[in-house]
Amino acid sequence: MKEFWKHKKLSEMTRKEWELLCDGCGRCCLIRLEDEESREIFTTRLACKQLDIGKCGCKCYDNRHEVVADCIALTPENIGSLDWIPSSCAYRRLSEGRELAWWHPLVSGDPDSVHEAGISVRSSAISEDKINPNRIEDYIHEYL
């Protein structure tokens, strides 16, 4: 169905529809740090080593939870409670009652629109396996 996201709740979507909502930005694959005292979450420019930064897609998507133990599956049940999900994320937008953004591939019809709009991590992320793990804090980055 065309524009299925306008007519269905997240919980009513098929697996295929759910997967189509992903805009391919790669932001959910960025390494985050949590301040133990304040519980504040900080996002870094560092991407999970399984993220193909050029394509903004997981190299092992089908078994990512086995390969990366702390990879969190986004579901209709948990999307509203994951505060670290970017406000630009289609799952979050829809769960908050907002529309998909103009650059979302389902709206634009172009899978590159997310990159052209500067939403993806394609031009800013660095793979976590390319840096010293003791220097992660040096890569904290403010994403909108």
C-alpha atoms as a PDB file:
ATOM      1  CA  MET A   1       0.000   0.000   0.000  1.00  0.00           C
ATOM      2  CA  LYS A   2       1.316   3.414  -0.927  1.00  0.00           C
ATOM      3  CA  GLU A   3       2.068   5.597   2.099  1.00  0.00           C
ATOM      4  CA  PHE A   4       1.361   2.717   4.491  1.00  0.00           C
ATOM      5  CA  TRP A   5       2.965   4.702   7.328  1.00  0.00           C
ATOM      6  CA  LYS A   6       0.089   7.198   7.169  1.00  0.00           C
ATOM      7  CA  HIS A   7      -2.558   4.512   7.618  1.00  0.00           C
ATOM      8  CA  LYS A   8      -0.988   2.040  10.033  1.00  0.00           C
ATOM      9  CA  LYS A   9       0.310   2.153  13.563  1.00  0.00           C
ATOM     10  CA  LEU A  10       3.888   0.958  13.998  1.00  0.00           C
ATOM     11  CA  SER A  11       2.550  -2.163  15.718  1.00  0.00           C
ATOM     12  CA  GLU A  12       0.361  -2.975  12.690  1.00  0.00           C
ATOM     13  CA  MET A  13       3.153  -2.905  10.125  1.00  0.00           C
ATOM     14  CA  THR A  14       4.515  -6.001   8.450  1.00  0.00           C
ATOM     15  CA  ARG A  15       8.200  -6.749   8.844  1.00  0.00           C
ATOM     16  CA  LYS A  16       8.794  -5.462   5.297  1.00  0.00           C
ATOM     17  CA  GLU A  17       6.986  -2.206   6.029  1.00  0.00           C
ATOM     18  CA  TRP A  18       8.904  -1.805   9.293  1.00  0.00           C
ATOM     19  CA  GLU A  19      12.205  -2.282   7.494  1.00  0.00           C
ATOM     20  CA  LEU A  20      11.203   0.222   4.779  1.00  0.00           C
ATOM     21  CA  LEU A  21      10.821   2.893   7.465  1.00  0.00           C
ATOM     22  CA  CYS A  22      14.562   2.900   8.075  1.00  0.00           C
ATOM     23  CA  ASP A  23      15.892   5.948   6.224  1.00  0.00           C
ATOM     24  CA  GLY A  24      19.443   4.569   6.078  1.00  0.00           C
ATOM     25  CA  CYS A  25      21.048   7.404   8.028  1.00  0.00           C
ATOM     26  CA  GLY A  26      23.225   5.162  10.229  1.00  0.00           C
ATOM     27  CA  ARG A  27      22.766   7.350  13.312  1.00  0.00           C
ATOM     28  CA  CYS A  28      21.468   4.483  15.449  1.00  0.00           C
ATOM     29  CA  CYS A  29      24.769   2.690  14.786  1.00  0.00           C
ATOM     30  CA  LEU A  30      26.881   5.418  16.369  1.00  0.00           C
ATOM     31  CA  ILE A  31      28.625   4.654  19.646  1.00  0.00           C
ATOM     32  CA  ARG A  32      27.044   6.390  22.613  1.00  0.00           C
ATOM     33  CA  LEU A  33      28.469   7.070  26.042  1.00  0.00           C
ATOM     34  CA  GLU A  34      26.517   7.489  29.239  1.00  0.00           C
ATOM     35  CA  ASP A  35      27.646   9.688  32.106  1.00  0.00           C
ATOM     36  CA  GLU A  36      27.328   7.388  35.115  1.00  0.00           C
ATOM     37  CA  GLU A  37      26.369  10.203  37.483  1.00  0.00           C
ATOM     38  CA  SER A  38      23.991  12.315  35.382  1.00  0.00           C
ATOM     39  CA  ARG A  39      22.790   9.445  33.131  1.00  0.00           C
ATOM     40  CA  GLU A  40      23.178  11.863  30.190  1.00  0.00           C
ATOM     41  CA  ILE A  41      23.803  10.189  26.825  1.00  0.00           C
ATOM     42  CA  PHE A  42      26.492  11.498  24.498  1.00  0.00           C
ATOM     43  CA  THR A  43      26.711  10.456  20.862  1.00  0.00           C
ATOM     44  CA  THR A  44      30.089  10.083  19.215  1.00  0.00           C
ATOM     45  CA  ARG A  45      31.184  10.188  15.584  1.00  0.00           C
ATOM     46  CA  LEU A  46      32.283   6.585  16.007  1.00  0.00           C
ATOM     47  CA  ALA A  47      30.253   3.987  14.184  1.00  0.00           C
ATOM     48  CA  CYS A  48      29.888   0.340  15.084  1.00  0.00           C
ATOM     49  CA  LYS A  49      32.558  -1.605  13.226  1.00  0.00           C
ATOM     50  CA  GLN A  50      29.767  -3.495  11.457  1.00  0.00           C
ATOM     51  CA  LEU A  51      28.395  -0.316   9.834  1.00  0.00           C
ATOM     52  CA  ASP A  52      29.359   0.140   6.201  1.00  0.00           C
ATOM     53  CA  ILE A  53      29.722   3.913   6.496  1.00  0.00           C
ATOM     54  CA  GLY A  54      29.597   4.526   2.741  1.00  0.00           C
ATOM     55  CA  LYS A  55      26.273   2.726   2.418  1.00  0.00           C
ATOM     56  CA  CYS A  56      25.049   3.501   5.959  1.00  0.00           C
ATOM     57  CA  GLY A  57      23.988  -0.114   6.339  1.00  0.00           C
ATOM     58  CA  CYS A  58      24.955  -2.972   8.599  1.00  0.00           C
ATOM     59  CA  LYS A  59      27.448  -5.466   7.159  1.00  0.00           C
ATOM     60  CA  CYS A  60      25.784  -8.299   9.094  1.00  0.00           C
ATOM     61  CA  TYR A  61      22.201  -7.089   9.413  1.00  0.00           C
ATOM     62  CA  ASP A  62      20.460 -10.462   9.632  1.00  0.00           C
ATOM     63  CA  ASN A  63      22.563 -11.657  12.574  1.00  0.00           C
ATOM     64  CA  ARG A  64      23.701  -8.315  14.007  1.00  0.00           C
ATOM     65  CA  HIS A  65      22.480  -9.143  17.501  1.00  0.00           C
ATOM     66  CA  GLU A  66      24.690 -12.218  17.643  1.00  0.00           C
ATOM     67  CA  VAL A  67      27.728 -10.399  16.215  1.00  0.00           C
ATOM     68  CA  VAL A  68      27.325  -7.214  18.300  1.00  0.00           C
ATOM     69  CA  ALA A  69      26.086  -8.138  21.753  1.00  0.00           C
ATOM     70  CA  ASP A  70      24.816  -4.657  22.641  1.00  0.00           C
ATOM     71  CA  CYS A  71      23.053  -3.971  19.334  1.00  0.00           C
ATOM     72  CA  ILE A  72      19.523  -2.918  20.239  1.00  0.00           C
ATOM     73  CA  ALA A  73      16.635  -4.039  18.085  1.00  0.00           C
ATOM     74  CA  LEU A  74      14.179  -1.242  17.399  1.00  0.00           C
ATOM     75  CA  THR A  75      10.619  -2.440  17.884  1.00  0.00           C
ATOM     76  CA  PRO A  76       7.198  -0.819  18.061  1.00  0.00           C
ATOM     77  CA  GLU A  77       7.244  -1.658  21.775  1.00  0.00           C
ATOM     78  CA  ASN A  78      10.560  -0.005  22.662  1.00  0.00           C
ATOM     79  CA  ILE A  79      10.900   2.889  20.204  1.00  0.00           C
ATOM     80  CA  GLY A  80       9.123   5.347  22.504  1.00  0.00           C
ATOM     81  CA  SER A  81      11.444   4.633  25.420  1.00  0.00           C
ATOM     82  CA  LEU A  82      14.783   4.923  23.604  1.00  0.00           C
ATOM     83  CA  ASP A  83      15.706   8.553  24.262  1.00  0.00           C
ATOM     84  CA  TRP A  84      18.969   8.251  22.339  1.00  0.00           C
ATOM     85  CA  ILE A  85      17.197   7.623  19.035  1.00  0.00           C
ATOM     86  CA  PRO A  86      17.682  10.776  16.939  1.00  0.00           C
ATOM     87  CA  SER A  87      14.666  13.048  16.527  1.00  0.00           C
ATOM     88  CA  SER A  88      15.106  12.670  12.757  1.00  0.00           C
ATOM     89  CA  CYS A  89      14.509   8.893  12.913  1.00  0.00           C
ATOM     90  CA  ALA A  90      11.386   7.755  11.056  1.00  0.00           C
ATOM     91  CA  TYR A  91      10.480   5.293  13.804  1.00  0.00           C
ATOM     92  CA  ARG A  92      10.675   8.005  16.439  1.00  0.00           C
ATOM     93  CA  ARG A  93       8.897  10.578  14.260  1.00  0.00           C
ATOM     94  CA  LEU A  94       5.957   8.252  13.658  1.00  0.00           C
ATOM     95  CA  SER A  95       5.810   7.102  17.285  1.00  0.00           C
ATOM     96  CA  GLU A  96       5.546  10.783  18.283  1.00  0.00           C
ATOM     97  CA  GLY A  97       2.760  11.408  15.762  1.00  0.00           C
ATOM     98  CA  ARG A  98       4.952  13.370  13.339  1.00  0.00           C
ATOM     99  CA  GLU A  99       5.205  12.904   9.563  1.00  0.00           C
ATOM    100  CA  LEU A 100       8.210  11.511   7.741  1.00  0.00           C
ATOM    101  CA  ALA A 101      10.686  14.189   6.687  1.00  0.00           C
ATOM    102  CA  TRP A 102      10.877  15.378   3.064  1.00  0.00           C
ATOM    103  CA  TRP A 103      14.260  13.688   2.644  1.00  0.00           C
ATOM    104  CA  HIS A 104      13.054  10.254   3.766  1.00  0.00           C
ATOM    105  CA  PRO A 105      13.386   7.837   0.813  1.00  0.00           C
ATOM    106  CA  LEU A 106       9.726   6.804   1.118  1.00  0.00           C
ATOM    107  CA  VAL A 107       8.718  10.445   0.640  1.00  0.00           C
ATOM    108  CA  SER A 108      11.380  11.602  -1.823  1.00  0.00           C
ATOM    109  CA  GLY A 109      11.531   8.387  -3.827  1.00  0.00           C
ATOM    110  CA  ASP A 110      15.327   8.672  -3.764  1.00  0.00           C
ATOM    111  CA  PRO A 111      17.484   6.540  -1.420  1.00  0.00           C
ATOM    112  CA  ASP A 112      20.247   9.171  -1.615  1.00  0.00           C
ATOM    113  CA  SER A 113      18.069  12.039  -0.365  1.00  0.00           C
ATOM    114  CA  VAL A 114      18.944  11.226   3.263  1.00  0.00           C
ATOM    115  CA  HIS A 115      22.630  11.697   2.409  1.00  0.00           C
ATOM    116  CA  GLU A 116      22.083  14.774   0.240  1.00  0.00           C
ATOM    117  CA  ALA A 117      20.110  16.402   3.070  1.00  0.00           C
ATOM    118  CA  GLY A 118      23.079  15.863   5.420  1.00  0.00           C
ATOM    119  CA  ILE A 119      21.103  13.608   7.762  1.00  0.00           C
ATOM    120  CA  SER A 120      23.235  10.481   7.393  1.00  0.00           C
ATOM    121  CA  VAL A 121      26.580   9.777   9.023  1.00  0.00           C
ATOM    122  CA  ARG A 122      28.189   9.024   5.649  1.00  0.00           C
ATOM    123  CA  SER A 123      30.441  12.093   5.688  1.00  0.00           C
ATOM    124  CA  SER A 124      31.091  12.366   9.410  1.00  0.00           C
ATOM    125  CA  ALA A 125      31.416   8.903  10.979  1.00  0.00           C
ATOM    126  CA  ILE A 126      34.600   6.981  11.690  1.00  0.00           C
ATOM    127  CA  SER A 127      34.626   3.248  12.321  1.00  0.00           C
ATOM    128  CA  GLU A 128      35.259   2.360  15.962  1.00  0.00           C
ATOM    129  CA  ASP A 129      37.933  -0.109  14.916  1.00  0.00           C
ATOM    130  CA  LYS A 130      40.087   2.734  13.544  1.00  0.00           C
ATOM    131  CA  ILE A 131      40.654   4.535  16.843  1.00  0.00           C
ATOM    132  CA  ASN A 132      42.212   3.913  20.236  1.00  0.00           C
ATOM    133  CA  PRO A 133      39.379   2.591  22.477  1.00  0.00           C
ATOM    134  CA  ASN A 134      40.743   4.672  25.367  1.00  0.00           C
ATOM    135  CA  ARG A 135      40.058   7.870  23.373  1.00  0.00           C
ATOM    136  CA  ILE A 136      36.336   7.401  22.634  1.00  0.00           C
ATOM    137  CA  GLU A 137      35.441  10.591  24.549  1.00  0.00           C
ATOM    138  CA  ASP A 138      37.461  12.593  22.009  1.00  0.00           C
ATOM    139  CA  TYR A 139      34.844  11.751  19.376  1.00  0.00           C
ATOM    140  CA  ILE A 140      31.726  13.088  21.117  1.00  0.00           C
ATOM    141  CA  HIS A 141      29.752  14.927  18.459  1.00  0.00           C
ATOM    142  CA  GLU A 142      26.508  16.869  18.502  1.00  0.00           C
ATOM    143  CA  TYR A 143      24.036  15.515  15.969  1.00  0.00           C
ATOM    144  CA  LEU A 144      20.799  17.390  15.406  1.00  0.00           C
END
